[in-house]
N, C-alpha and C. Protein backbone atom coordinates (compact mmCIF):
# COMPACT_ATOMS: atom_id res chain seq x y z
N UNK A 1 -7.39 -13.73 -14.00
CA UNK A 1 -6.63 -13.58 -12.65
C UNK A 1 -8.02 -13.48 -11.86
N UNK A 2 -8.46 -13.41 -10.87
CA UNK A 2 -9.62 -13.62 -9.94
C UNK A 2 -9.89 -12.39 -9.35
N UNK A 3 -11.50 -12.28 -9.47
CA UNK A 3 -11.43 -10.75 -9.12
C UNK A 3 -10.98 -10.08 -7.91
N UNK A 4 -10.65 -11.02 -6.61
CA UNK A 4 -10.26 -10.44 -5.95
C UNK A 4 -8.78 -9.57 -5.82
N UNK A 5 -7.86 -10.06 -6.59
CA UNK A 5 -6.52 -10.12 -6.89
C UNK A 5 -6.88 -8.46 -7.58
N UNK A 6 -7.34 -8.35 -8.79
CA UNK A 6 -7.46 -6.86 -9.03
C UNK A 6 -8.27 -6.02 -8.01
N UNK A 7 -9.11 -6.31 -7.06
CA UNK A 7 -9.52 -5.20 -6.29
C UNK A 7 -7.90 -5.21 -5.43
N UNK A 8 -7.11 -6.13 -5.43
CA UNK A 8 -6.00 -5.85 -4.15
C UNK A 8 -4.96 -4.96 -5.20
N UNK A 9 -4.81 -5.20 -6.61
CA UNK A 9 -4.31 -4.54 -7.26
C UNK A 9 -4.77 -2.95 -7.13
N UNK A 10 -5.76 -2.93 -7.24
CA UNK A 10 -6.33 -1.49 -7.68
C UNK A 10 -6.53 -0.69 -6.16
N UNK A 11 -6.38 -1.57 -4.95
CA UNK A 11 -6.33 -1.10 -3.38
C UNK A 11 -4.71 -0.28 -3.36
N UNK A 12 -3.98 -1.13 -4.08
CA UNK A 12 -2.29 -0.71 -3.69
C UNK A 12 -2.11 0.19 -4.21
N UNK A 13 -2.35 0.73 -5.70
CA UNK A 13 -2.71 1.76 -6.45
C UNK A 13 -2.66 2.94 -5.63
N UNK A 14 -4.11 2.54 -5.44
CA UNK A 14 -4.71 3.70 -4.83
C UNK A 14 -3.99 4.51 -3.34
N UNK A 15 -3.60 3.10 -2.77
CA UNK A 15 -2.62 3.53 -1.25
C UNK A 15 -1.40 4.37 -1.76
N UNK A 16 -0.85 3.76 -2.88
CA UNK A 16 0.99 4.07 -3.16
C UNK A 16 0.58 5.61 -3.56
N UNK A 17 -0.69 5.74 -4.26
CA UNK A 17 -0.84 7.64 -4.88
C UNK A 17 -0.89 8.45 -3.39
N UNK A 18 -1.93 7.79 -2.50
CA UNK A 18 -1.65 8.55 -1.32
C UNK A 18 -0.51 8.55 -0.31
N UNK A 19 0.32 7.07 -0.72
CA UNK A 19 1.51 7.50 0.23
C UNK A 19 2.27 8.64 -0.11
N UNK A 20 2.59 8.63 -1.64
CA UNK A 20 3.16 9.85 -2.34
C UNK A 20 2.93 11.26 -2.20
N UNK A 21 1.43 11.52 -2.20
CA UNK A 21 0.69 12.47 -1.77
C UNK A 21 1.29 12.94 -0.11
N UNK A 22 1.07 12.04 0.81
CA UNK A 22 0.99 12.09 2.22
C UNK A 22 3.15 12.92 2.25
N UNK A 23 3.78 11.87 1.67
CA UNK A 23 5.01 12.00 1.88
C UNK A 23 5.50 13.62 1.30
N UNK A 24 4.74 13.93 0.00
CA UNK A 24 5.55 14.97 -0.70
C UNK A 24 4.72 16.07 0.71
N UNK A 25 3.32 15.81 0.96
CA UNK A 25 2.83 17.29 1.62
C UNK A 25 3.72 17.19 3.22
N UNK A 26 4.13 16.35 4.06
CA UNK A 26 5.23 16.27 4.93
C UNK A 26 6.79 16.73 4.48
N UNK A 27 6.99 16.92 3.03
CA UNK A 27 8.28 17.41 2.87
C UNK A 27 8.18 18.95 2.39
N UNK A 28 7.53 19.28 1.76
CA UNK A 28 7.12 20.39 1.59
C UNK A 28 6.67 21.40 2.83
N UNK A 29 5.54 20.64 3.87
CA UNK A 29 4.88 21.80 4.53
C UNK A 29 5.06 21.09 6.04
N UNK A 30 6.13 21.00 6.67
CA UNK A 30 6.39 20.27 7.82
C UNK A 30 6.73 20.93 8.59
N UNK A 31 7.56 22.15 7.91
CA UNK A 31 7.60 23.03 8.96
C UNK A 31 6.40 23.98 9.72
N UNK A 32 5.76 23.78 8.51
CA UNK A 32 4.20 24.85 8.49
C UNK A 32 2.97 23.96 10.15
N UNK A 33 3.40 22.63 9.96
CA UNK A 33 2.84 22.17 11.02
C UNK A 33 2.97 21.92 12.58
N UNK A 34 2.46 21.81 13.68
CA UNK A 34 2.84 21.88 14.93
C UNK A 34 3.49 20.57 15.15
N UNK A 35 3.96 20.11 16.25
CA UNK A 35 4.54 19.08 16.78
C UNK A 35 3.56 17.89 16.44
N UNK A 36 2.42 18.07 17.13
CA UNK A 36 1.74 16.99 16.97
C UNK A 36 0.84 16.44 15.88
N UNK A 37 0.81 17.38 14.84
CA UNK A 37 0.11 17.34 13.34
C UNK A 37 1.45 16.61 12.65
N UNK A 38 2.49 17.15 13.14
CA UNK A 38 3.75 16.34 12.35
C UNK A 38 4.00 15.26 12.83
N UNK A 39 4.00 15.05 13.86
CA UNK A 39 4.10 13.34 14.67
C UNK A 39 2.80 12.58 14.09
N UNK A 40 1.89 12.70 14.60
CA UNK A 40 0.63 12.47 13.50
C UNK A 40 0.64 11.35 11.91
N UNK A 41 0.78 13.02 11.30
CA UNK A 41 1.07 12.34 9.67
C UNK A 41 2.29 11.11 9.40
N UNK A 42 3.29 11.73 10.49
CA UNK A 42 4.38 10.79 10.41
C UNK A 42 4.23 9.26 10.66
N UNK A 43 3.43 9.29 11.49
CA UNK A 43 2.93 7.69 12.09
C UNK A 43 1.50 7.09 10.95
N UNK A 44 0.50 8.12 10.27
CA UNK A 44 0.48 7.63 9.47
C UNK A 44 0.82 7.27 8.30
N UNK A 45 1.84 8.04 7.51
CA UNK A 45 2.78 7.48 6.61
C UNK A 45 3.10 6.10 6.68
N UNK A 46 4.19 5.58 8.22
CA UNK A 46 4.39 4.79 8.48
C UNK A 46 3.94 3.40 8.14
N UNK A 47 2.28 3.81 9.09
CA UNK A 47 1.45 2.46 9.34
C UNK A 47 1.22 2.70 7.44
N UNK A 48 1.12 3.75 6.83
CA UNK A 48 0.55 3.13 5.27
C UNK A 48 1.53 2.77 4.83
N UNK A 49 2.44 2.96 4.69
CA UNK A 49 3.65 2.03 4.46
C UNK A 49 3.85 0.74 4.35
N UNK A 50 3.96 0.31 6.00
CA UNK A 50 3.54 -0.92 6.19
C UNK A 50 2.33 -1.67 5.43
N UNK A 51 1.17 -1.10 5.50
CA UNK A 51 -0.13 -1.56 5.11
C UNK A 51 0.28 -2.10 3.29
N UNK A 52 0.88 -1.00 2.63
CA UNK A 52 1.71 -1.54 1.30
C UNK A 52 2.51 -2.33 1.10
N UNK A 53 3.06 -2.36 2.26
CA UNK A 53 3.98 -4.04 1.77
C UNK A 53 3.40 -4.89 2.22
N UNK A 54 2.46 -4.97 2.65
CA UNK A 54 1.48 -6.33 3.55
C UNK A 54 1.12 -6.47 2.29
N UNK A 55 0.40 -5.46 1.76
CA UNK A 55 -0.81 -5.87 0.71
C UNK A 55 -0.08 -6.41 -0.95
N UNK A 56 1.13 -5.86 -0.54
CA UNK A 56 2.05 -6.12 -1.87
C UNK A 56 2.25 -7.89 -1.28
N UNK A 57 2.69 -7.72 -0.62
CA UNK A 57 3.24 -9.63 0.09
C UNK A 57 1.99 -10.22 -0.37
N UNK A 58 0.79 -10.20 -0.12
CA UNK A 58 -0.65 -10.55 -0.47
C UNK A 58 -0.60 -10.79 -1.75
N UNK A 59 -0.37 -9.43 -2.54
CA UNK A 59 -0.77 -9.64 -4.12
C UNK A 59 0.38 -10.92 -4.60
N UNK A 60 1.61 -10.81 -4.16
CA UNK A 60 2.96 -11.87 -4.80
C UNK A 60 1.95 -13.31 -4.02
N UNK A 61 1.49 -13.46 -2.62
CA UNK A 61 1.22 -14.81 -2.62
C UNK A 61 -0.36 -15.34 -3.18
N UNK A 62 -0.96 -14.78 -3.29
CA UNK A 62 -2.23 -14.94 -3.95
C UNK A 62 -2.25 -15.36 -5.87
N UNK A 63 -1.39 -14.56 -6.64
CA UNK A 63 -0.62 -14.87 -7.58
C UNK A 63 -0.11 -16.17 -7.90
N UNK A 64 0.90 -15.96 -6.60
CA UNK A 64 1.39 -17.93 -6.85
C UNK A 64 0.58 -18.68 -6.44
N UNK A 65 -0.41 -18.26 -5.88
CA UNK A 65 -1.37 -19.30 -5.37
C UNK A 65 -2.33 -20.19 -6.39
N UNK A 66 -2.69 -18.64 -7.14
CA UNK A 66 -3.29 -19.22 -8.72
C UNK A 66 -2.24 -19.64 -9.28
N UNK A 67 -1.29 -19.57 -9.83
CA UNK A 67 -0.58 -20.08 -10.45
C UNK A 67 -0.08 -21.96 -10.42
N UNK A 68 -0.21 -21.70 -8.75
CA UNK A 68 -0.07 -23.00 -8.83
C UNK A 68 -1.35 -24.03 -8.99
N UNK A 69 -2.45 -23.49 -8.59
CA UNK A 69 -3.89 -24.28 -9.15
C UNK A 69 -3.73 -24.36 -10.80
N UNK A 70 -3.33 -23.49 -11.39
CA UNK A 70 -3.54 -23.80 -13.11
C UNK A 70 -2.44 -24.87 -13.15
N UNK A 71 -1.59 -25.13 -12.42
CA UNK A 71 -0.44 -25.94 -12.80
C UNK A 71 -0.91 -27.41 -12.01
N UNK A 72 -1.85 -27.47 -11.33
CA UNK A 72 -2.41 -28.57 -10.82
C UNK A 72 -3.47 -29.03 -11.39
N UNK A 73 -3.96 -27.99 -12.21
CA UNK A 73 -5.39 -28.61 -12.84
C UNK A 73 -4.99 -29.24 -14.46
N UNK A 74 -3.49 -29.19 -15.18
CA UNK A 74 -2.84 -29.71 -16.13
C UNK A 74 -2.71 -31.40 -16.27
């Protein structure tokens, strides 16, 4: 695999960990947050989740593209 694919894998793993932590925090401490904090953290969670989906799609595309290039070289 090319270096940029490894970097995307690492980034997705880090992002997934942060998503889990933020979601857990919101689930456990939501009642302790004021409305603005809760809203902003929820928005952040949604954006991070969307970014995670986009990153996953980019990763799948890059892997497919790399596989096609290997087949073309044969």
